[in-house]
Amino acid sequence: MRVRIGIGDTSREIELDVGDADALIAEIEDAFDGDTAILWFTDVGDRRIGVPVSRIAYVELEPEQRVSVGFTPS
């Protein structure tokens, strides 16, 4: 699943591919409820990105779109 995270006061977005969207949502909600200063995200390629929780403007989840190749029966 493709995830976009908007960073406050900038036009930059962070894009990640994650395997478990529900776990990511729970992690983000816990970070906002707790005392976490930096939230670390890991994508399916093991790339790690740290974002200050106070700077997260939005999180957008986009399901994977399957691309069919060839002919499909009608």
PDB file of N, CA and C in Angstrom:
ATOM      1  N   MET A   1       0.842  -1.165   0.000  1.00  0.00           N
ATOM      2  CA  MET A   1       0.000   0.000   0.000  1.00  0.00           C
ATOM      3  C   MET A   1       0.893   1.236   0.000  1.00  0.00           C
ATOM      4  N   ARG A   2       0.531   2.204  -0.790  1.00  0.00           N
ATOM      5  CA  ARG A   2       1.268   3.465  -0.889  1.00  0.00           C
ATOM      6  C   ARG A   2       0.762   4.415   0.186  1.00  0.00           C
ATOM      7  N   VAL A   3       1.698   5.030   0.910  1.00  0.00           N
ATOM      8  CA  VAL A   3       1.372   5.978   1.974  1.00  0.00           C
ATOM      9  C   VAL A   3       2.060   7.297   1.668  1.00  0.00           C
ATOM     10  N   ARG A   4       1.310   8.386   1.780  1.00  0.00           N
ATOM     11  CA  ARG A   4       1.874   9.733   1.639  1.00  0.00           C
ATOM     12  C   ARG A   4       1.702  10.439   2.972  1.00  0.00           C
ATOM     13  N   ILE A   5       2.795  11.046   3.434  1.00  0.00           N
ATOM     14  CA  ILE A   5       2.774  11.779   4.698  1.00  0.00           C
ATOM     15  C   ILE A   5       3.143  13.219   4.400  1.00  0.00           C
ATOM     16  N   GLY A   6       2.226  14.133   4.685  1.00  0.00           N
ATOM     17  CA  GLY A   6       2.475  15.549   4.471  1.00  0.00           C
ATOM     18  C   GLY A   6       3.188  16.141   5.671  1.00  0.00           C
ATOM     19  N   ILE A   7       4.145  17.004   5.394  1.00  0.00           N
ATOM     20  CA  ILE A   7       4.920  17.655   6.442  1.00  0.00           C
ATOM     21  C   ILE A   7       4.457  19.110   6.548  1.00  0.00           C
ATOM     22  N   GLY A   8       4.148  19.549   7.761  1.00  0.00           N
ATOM     23  CA  GLY A   8       3.630  20.894   7.997  1.00  0.00           C
ATOM     24  C   GLY A   8       4.604  21.990   7.591  1.00  0.00           C
ATOM     25  N   ASP A   9       4.066  23.095   7.102  1.00  0.00           N
ATOM     26  CA  ASP A   9       4.812  24.291   6.685  1.00  0.00           C
ATOM     27  C   ASP A   9       5.779  24.042   5.540  1.00  0.00           C
ATOM     28  N   THR A  10       5.537  23.015   4.765  1.00  0.00           N
ATOM     29  CA  THR A  10       6.343  22.737   3.578  1.00  0.00           C
ATOM     30  C   THR A  10       5.471  21.999   2.571  1.00  0.00           C
ATOM     31  N   SER A  11       5.836  22.063   1.331  1.00  0.00           N
ATOM     32  CA  SER A  11       5.058  21.376   0.307  1.00  0.00           C
ATOM     33  C   SER A  11       5.561  19.959   0.059  1.00  0.00           C
ATOM     34  N   ARG A  12       6.483  19.518   0.866  1.00  0.00           N
ATOM     35  CA  ARG A  12       7.081  18.205   0.677  1.00  0.00           C
ATOM     36  C   ARG A  12       6.202  17.098   1.258  1.00  0.00           C
ATOM     37  N   GLU A  13       6.171  15.976   0.555  1.00  0.00           N
ATOM     38  CA  GLU A  13       5.494  14.775   1.019  1.00  0.00           C
ATOM     39  C   GLU A  13       6.513  13.643   1.090  1.00  0.00           C
ATOM     40  N   ILE A  14       6.285  12.740   1.999  1.00  0.00           N
ATOM     41  CA  ILE A  14       7.088  11.524   2.073  1.00  0.00           C
ATOM     42  C   ILE A  14       6.217  10.401   1.545  1.00  0.00           C
ATOM     43  N   GLU A  15       6.751   9.614   0.606  1.00  0.00           N
ATOM     44  CA  GLU A  15       6.013   8.496   0.053  1.00  0.00           C
ATOM     45  C   GLU A  15       6.684   7.200   0.452  1.00  0.00           C
ATOM     46  N   LEU A  16       5.868   6.263   0.931  1.00  0.00           N
ATOM     47  CA  LEU A  16       6.360   4.965   1.373  1.00  0.00           C
ATOM     48  C   LEU A  16       5.467   3.869   0.811  1.00  0.00           C
ATOM     49  N   ASP A  17       6.025   2.691   0.649  1.00  0.00           N
ATOM     50  CA  ASP A  17       5.248   1.491   0.366  1.00  0.00           C
ATOM     51  C   ASP A  17       5.309   0.631   1.618  1.00  0.00           C
ATOM     52  N   VAL A  18       4.145   0.341   2.190  1.00  0.00           N
ATOM     53  CA  VAL A  18       4.102  -0.458   3.413  1.00  0.00           C
ATOM     54  C   VAL A  18       3.278  -1.713   3.172  1.00  0.00           C
ATOM     55  N   GLY A  19       3.570  -2.737   3.954  1.00  0.00           N
ATOM     56  CA  GLY A  19       2.852  -3.991   3.815  1.00  0.00           C
ATOM     57  C   GLY A  19       1.594  -4.051   4.666  1.00  0.00           C
ATOM     58  N   ASP A  20       1.637  -3.492   5.878  1.00  0.00           N
ATOM     59  CA  ASP A  20       0.510  -3.579   6.814  1.00  0.00           C
ATOM     60  C   ASP A  20       0.023  -2.175   7.172  1.00  0.00           C
ATOM     61  N   ALA A  21      -1.025  -1.739   6.509  1.00  0.00           N
ATOM     62  CA  ALA A  21      -1.555  -0.389   6.718  1.00  0.00           C
ATOM     63  C   ALA A  21      -2.177  -0.233   8.098  1.00  0.00           C
ATOM     64  N   ASP A  22      -2.839  -1.271   8.603  1.00  0.00           N
ATOM     65  CA  ASP A  22      -3.481  -1.177   9.915  1.00  0.00           C
ATOM     66  C   ASP A  22      -2.449  -0.983  11.025  1.00  0.00           C
ATOM     67  N   ALA A  23      -1.315  -1.657  10.921  1.00  0.00           N
ATOM     68  CA  ALA A  23      -0.252  -1.495  11.914  1.00  0.00           C
ATOM     69  C   ALA A  23       0.318  -0.077  11.856  1.00  0.00           C
ATOM     70  N   LEU A  24       0.449   0.472  10.646  1.00  0.00           N
ATOM     71  CA  LEU A  24       0.954   1.832  10.483  1.00  0.00           C
ATOM     72  C   LEU A  24      -0.005   2.844  11.102  1.00  0.00           C
ATOM     73  N   ILE A  25      -1.295   2.669  10.863  1.00  0.00           N
ATOM     74  CA  ILE A  25      -2.295   3.572  11.429  1.00  0.00           C
ATOM     75  C   ILE A  25      -2.246   3.538  12.958  1.00  0.00           C
ATOM     76  N   ALA A  26      -2.157   2.349  13.528  1.00  0.00           N
ATOM     77  CA  ALA A  26      -2.087   2.217  14.982  1.00  0.00           C
ATOM     78  C   ALA A  26      -0.830   2.877  15.530  1.00  0.00           C
ATOM     79  N   GLU A  27       0.281   2.732  14.837  1.00  0.00           N
ATOM     80  CA  GLU A  27       1.544   3.341  15.267  1.00  0.00           C
ATOM     81  C   GLU A  27       1.459   4.869  15.252  1.00  0.00           C
ATOM     82  N   ILE A  28       0.838   5.425  14.219  1.00  0.00           N
ATOM     83  CA  ILE A  28       0.690   6.878  14.115  1.00  0.00           C
ATOM     84  C   ILE A  28      -0.239   7.401  15.211  1.00  0.00           C
ATOM     85  N   GLU A  29      -1.350   6.717  15.436  1.00  0.00           N
ATOM     86  CA  GLU A  29      -2.285   7.143  16.480  1.00  0.00           C
ATOM     87  C   GLU A  29      -1.636   7.080  17.858  1.00  0.00           C
ATOM     88  N   ASP A  30      -0.854   6.042  18.111  1.00  0.00           N
ATOM     89  CA  ASP A  30      -0.147   5.929  19.395  1.00  0.00           C
ATOM     90  C   ASP A  30       0.860   7.058  19.569  1.00  0.00           C
ATOM     91  N   ALA A  31       1.523   7.437  18.487  1.00  0.00           N
ATOM     92  CA  ALA A  31       2.518   8.513  18.563  1.00  0.00           C
ATOM     93  C   ALA A  31       1.862   9.838  18.925  1.00  0.00           C
ATOM     94  N   PHE A  32       0.676  10.103  18.380  1.00  0.00           N
ATOM     95  CA  PHE A  32      -0.016  11.347  18.705  1.00  0.00           C
ATOM     96  C   PHE A  32      -0.564  11.342  20.124  1.00  0.00           C
ATOM     97  N   ASP A  33      -0.922  10.170  20.626  1.00  0.00           N
ATOM     98  CA  ASP A  33      -1.456  10.070  21.990  1.00  0.00           C
ATOM     99  C   ASP A  33      -0.355  10.079  23.044  1.00  0.00           C
ATOM    100  N   GLY A  34       0.841   9.654  22.677  1.00  0.00           N
ATOM    101  CA  GLY A  34       1.921   9.521  23.649  1.00  0.00           C
ATOM    102  C   GLY A  34       2.904  10.673  23.616  1.00  0.00           C
ATOM    103  N   ASP A  35       4.098  10.404  24.114  1.00  0.00           N
ATOM    104  CA  ASP A  35       5.156  11.410  24.208  1.00  0.00           C
ATOM    105  C   ASP A  35       6.230  11.207  23.145  1.00  0.00           C
ATOM    106  N   THR A  36       5.890  10.585  22.030  1.00  0.00           N
ATOM    107  CA  THR A  36       6.865  10.312  20.980  1.00  0.00           C
ATOM    108  C   THR A  36       7.228  11.605  20.263  1.00  0.00           C
ATOM    109  N   ALA A  37       8.514  11.902  20.175  1.00  0.00           N
ATOM    110  CA  ALA A  37       8.967  13.109  19.489  1.00  0.00           C
ATOM    111  C   ALA A  37       9.169  12.847  17.999  1.00  0.00           C
ATOM    112  N   ILE A  38       9.775  11.708  17.688  1.00  0.00           N
ATOM    113  CA  ILE A  38      10.049  11.361  16.288  1.00  0.00           C
ATOM    114  C   ILE A  38       9.438  10.000  16.005  1.00  0.00           C
ATOM    115  N   LEU A  39       8.704   9.928  14.911  1.00  0.00           N
ATOM    116  CA  LEU A  39       8.094   8.672  14.489  1.00  0.00           C
ATOM    117  C   LEU A  39       8.900   8.133  13.315  1.00  0.00           C
ATOM    118  N   TRP A  40       9.358   6.899  13.444  1.00  0.00           N
ATOM    119  CA  TRP A  40      10.168   6.279  12.400  1.00  0.00           C
ATOM    120  C   TRP A  40       9.295   5.376  11.554  1.00  0.00           C
ATOM    121  N   PHE A  41       9.378   5.561  10.242  1.00  0.00           N
ATOM    122  CA  PHE A  41       8.646   4.747   9.281  1.00  0.00           C
ATOM    123  C   PHE A  41       9.643   3.878   8.533  1.00  0.00           C
ATOM    124  N   THR A  42       9.252   2.634   8.266  1.00  0.00           N
ATOM    125  CA  THR A  42      10.077   1.717   7.482  1.00  0.00           C
ATOM    126  C   THR A  42       9.223   1.200   6.336  1.00  0.00           C
ATOM    127  N   ASP A  43       9.709   1.345   5.105  1.00  0.00           N
ATOM    128  CA  ASP A  43       8.935   0.859   3.968  1.00  0.00           C
ATOM    129  C   ASP A  43       9.346  -0.575   3.635  1.00  0.00           C
ATOM    130  N   VAL A  44       8.720  -1.148   2.605  1.00  0.00           N
ATOM    131  CA  VAL A  44       8.978  -2.538   2.252  1.00  0.00           C
ATOM    132  C   VAL A  44      10.405  -2.759   1.763  1.00  0.00           C
ATOM    133  N   GLY A  45      11.098  -1.722   1.356  1.00  0.00           N
ATOM    134  CA  GLY A  45      12.488  -1.827   0.920  1.00  0.00           C
ATOM    135  C   GLY A  45      13.480  -1.571   2.042  1.00  0.00           C
ATOM    136  N   ASP A  46      13.007  -1.564   3.305  1.00  0.00           N
ATOM    137  CA  ASP A  46      13.809  -1.324   4.502  1.00  0.00           C
ATOM    138  C   ASP A  46      14.408   0.079   4.568  1.00  0.00           C
ATOM    139  N   ARG A  47      13.843   1.025   3.845  1.00  0.00           N
ATOM    140  CA  ARG A  47      14.246   2.424   3.960  1.00  0.00           C
ATOM    141  C   ARG A  47      13.580   2.988   5.201  1.00  0.00           C
ATOM    142  N   ARG A  48      14.343   3.691   6.047  1.00  0.00           N
ATOM    143  CA  ARG A  48      13.804   4.267   7.280  1.00  0.00           C
ATOM    144  C   ARG A  48      13.811   5.786   7.194  1.00  0.00           C
ATOM    145  N   ILE A  49      12.684   6.379   7.613  1.00  0.00           N
ATOM    146  CA  ILE A  49      12.531   7.827   7.586  1.00  0.00           C
ATOM    147  C   ILE A  49      11.959   8.265   8.923  1.00  0.00           C
ATOM    148  N   GLY A  50      12.606   9.226   9.565  1.00  0.00           N
ATOM    149  CA  GLY A  50      12.119   9.772  10.826  1.00  0.00           C
ATOM    150  C   GLY A  50      11.445  11.111  10.604  1.00  0.00           C
ATOM    151  N   VAL A  51      10.269  11.283  11.199  1.00  0.00           N
ATOM    152  CA  VAL A  51       9.499  12.517  11.051  1.00  0.00           C
ATOM    153  C   VAL A  51       9.084  12.991  12.440  1.00  0.00           C
ATOM    154  N   PRO A  52       9.337  14.256  12.769  1.00  0.00           N
ATOM    155  CA  PRO A  52       8.835  14.772  14.049  1.00  0.00           C
ATOM    156  C   PRO A  52       7.302  14.712  14.061  1.00  0.00           C
ATOM    157  N   VAL A  53       6.739  14.136  15.100  1.00  0.00           N
ATOM    158  CA  VAL A  53       5.291  13.958  15.189  1.00  0.00           C
ATOM    159  C   VAL A  53       4.568  15.298  15.085  1.00  0.00           C
ATOM    160  N   SER A  54       5.134  16.323  15.657  1.00  0.00           N
ATOM    161  CA  SER A  54       4.490  17.642  15.635  1.00  0.00           C
ATOM    162  C   SER A  54       4.434  18.249  14.236  1.00  0.00           C
ATOM    163  N   ARG A  55       5.187  17.711  13.283  1.00  0.00           N
ATOM    164  CA  ARG A  55       5.224  18.259  11.923  1.00  0.00           C
ATOM    165  C   ARG A  55       4.348  17.485  10.936  1.00  0.00           C
ATOM    166  N   ILE A  56       3.744  16.383  11.372  1.00  0.00           N
ATOM    167  CA  ILE A  56       2.902  15.593  10.465  1.00  0.00           C
ATOM    168  C   ILE A  56       1.598  16.346  10.233  1.00  0.00           C
ATOM    169  N   ALA A  57       1.346  16.694   8.965  1.00  0.00           N
ATOM    170  CA  ALA A  57       0.136  17.438   8.615  1.00  0.00           C
ATOM    171  C   ALA A  57      -1.007  16.495   8.231  1.00  0.00           C
ATOM    172  N   TYR A  58      -0.690  15.429   7.495  1.00  0.00           N
ATOM    173  CA  TYR A  58      -1.719  14.463   7.099  1.00  0.00           C
ATOM    174  C   TYR A  58      -1.054  13.155   6.699  1.00  0.00           C
ATOM    175  N   VAL A  59      -1.852  12.107   6.683  1.00  0.00           N
ATOM    176  CA  VAL A  59      -1.414  10.789   6.226  1.00  0.00           C
ATOM    177  C   VAL A  59      -2.462  10.300   5.244  1.00  0.00           C
ATOM    178  N   GLU A  60      -2.023   9.948   4.051  1.00  0.00           N
ATOM    179  CA  GLU A  60      -2.931   9.476   3.010  1.00  0.00           C
ATOM    180  C   GLU A  60      -2.555   8.054   2.633  1.00  0.00           C
ATOM    181  N   LEU A  61      -3.538   7.156   2.674  1.00  0.00           N
ATOM    182  CA  LEU A  61      -3.328   5.762   2.301  1.00  0.00           C
ATOM    183  C   LEU A  61      -3.960   5.506   0.946  1.00  0.00           C
ATOM    184  N   GLU A  62      -3.200   4.919   0.054  1.00  0.00           N
ATOM    185  CA  GLU A  62      -3.694   4.637  -1.294  1.00  0.00           C
ATOM    186  C   GLU A  62      -3.509   3.150  -1.564  1.00  0.00           C
ATOM    187  N   PRO A  63      -4.608   2.424  -1.767  1.00  0.00           N
ATOM    188  CA  PRO A  63      -4.472   0.988  -2.030  1.00  0.00           C
ATOM    189  C   PRO A  63      -3.748   0.748  -3.353  1.00  0.00           C
ATOM    190  N   GLU A  64      -3.088  -0.394  -3.419  1.00  0.00           N
ATOM    191  CA  GLU A  64      -2.374  -0.735  -4.646  1.00  0.00           C
ATOM    192  C   GLU A  64      -3.368  -0.963  -5.756  1.00  0.00           C
ATOM    193  N   GLN A  65      -3.030  -0.477  -6.933  1.00  0.00           N
ATOM    194  CA  GLN A  65      -3.873  -0.695  -8.097  1.00  0.00           C
ATOM    195  C   GLN A  65      -3.236  -1.784  -8.938  1.00  0.00           C
ATOM    196  N   ARG A  66      -4.019  -2.783  -9.188  1.00  0.00           N
ATOM    197  CA  ARG A  66      -3.508  -3.879  -9.997  1.00  0.00           C
ATOM    198  C   ARG A  66      -3.614  -3.501 -11.470  1.00  0.00           C
ATOM    199  N   VAL A  67      -2.526  -3.701 -12.178  1.00  0.00           N
ATOM    200  CA  VAL A  67      -2.488  -3.386 -13.595  1.00  0.00           C
ATOM    201  C   VAL A  67      -2.561  -4.700 -14.360  1.00  0.00           C
ATOM    202  N   SER A  68      -3.581  -4.817 -15.194  1.00  0.00           N
ATOM    203  CA  SER A  68      -3.700  -6.031 -15.980  1.00  0.00           C
ATOM    204  C   SER A  68      -3.013  -5.822 -17.330  1.00  0.00           C
ATOM    205  N   VAL A  69      -2.324  -6.841 -17.744  1.00  0.00           N
ATOM    206  CA  VAL A  69      -1.593  -6.786 -19.009  1.00  0.00           C
ATOM    207  C   VAL A  69      -2.214  -7.817 -19.934  1.00  0.00           C
ATOM    208  N   GLY A  70      -2.471  -7.404 -21.143  1.00  0.00           N
ATOM    209  CA  GLY A  70      -3.041  -8.332 -22.118  1.00  0.00           C
ATOM    210  C   GLY A  70      -4.541  -8.146 -22.239  1.00  0.00           C
ATOM    211  N   PHE A  71      -5.157  -9.154 -22.776  1.00  0.00           N
ATOM    212  CA  PHE A  71      -6.602  -9.094 -23.022  1.00  0.00           C
ATOM    213  C   PHE A  71      -7.354  -9.642 -21.826  1.00  0.00           C
ATOM    214  N   THR A  72      -8.507  -9.031 -21.564  1.00  0.00           N
ATOM    215  CA  THR A  72      -9.391  -9.551 -20.522  1.00  0.00           C
ATOM    216  C   THR A  72     -10.696  -9.977 -21.161  1.00  0.00           C
ATOM    217  N   PRO A  73     -11.255 -11.073 -20.669  1.00  0.00           N
ATOM    218  CA  PRO A  73     -12.544 -11.507 -21.260  1.00  0.00           C
ATOM    219  C   PRO A  73     -13.652 -10.539 -20.902  1.00  0.00           C
ATOM    220  N   SER A  74     -14.597 -10.353 -21.850  1.00  0.00           N
ATOM    221  CA  SER A  74     -15.701  -9.448 -21.587  1.00  0.00           C
ATOM    222  C   SER A  74     -16.926 -10.162 -21.126  1.00  0.00           C
TER     223      SER A  74
END
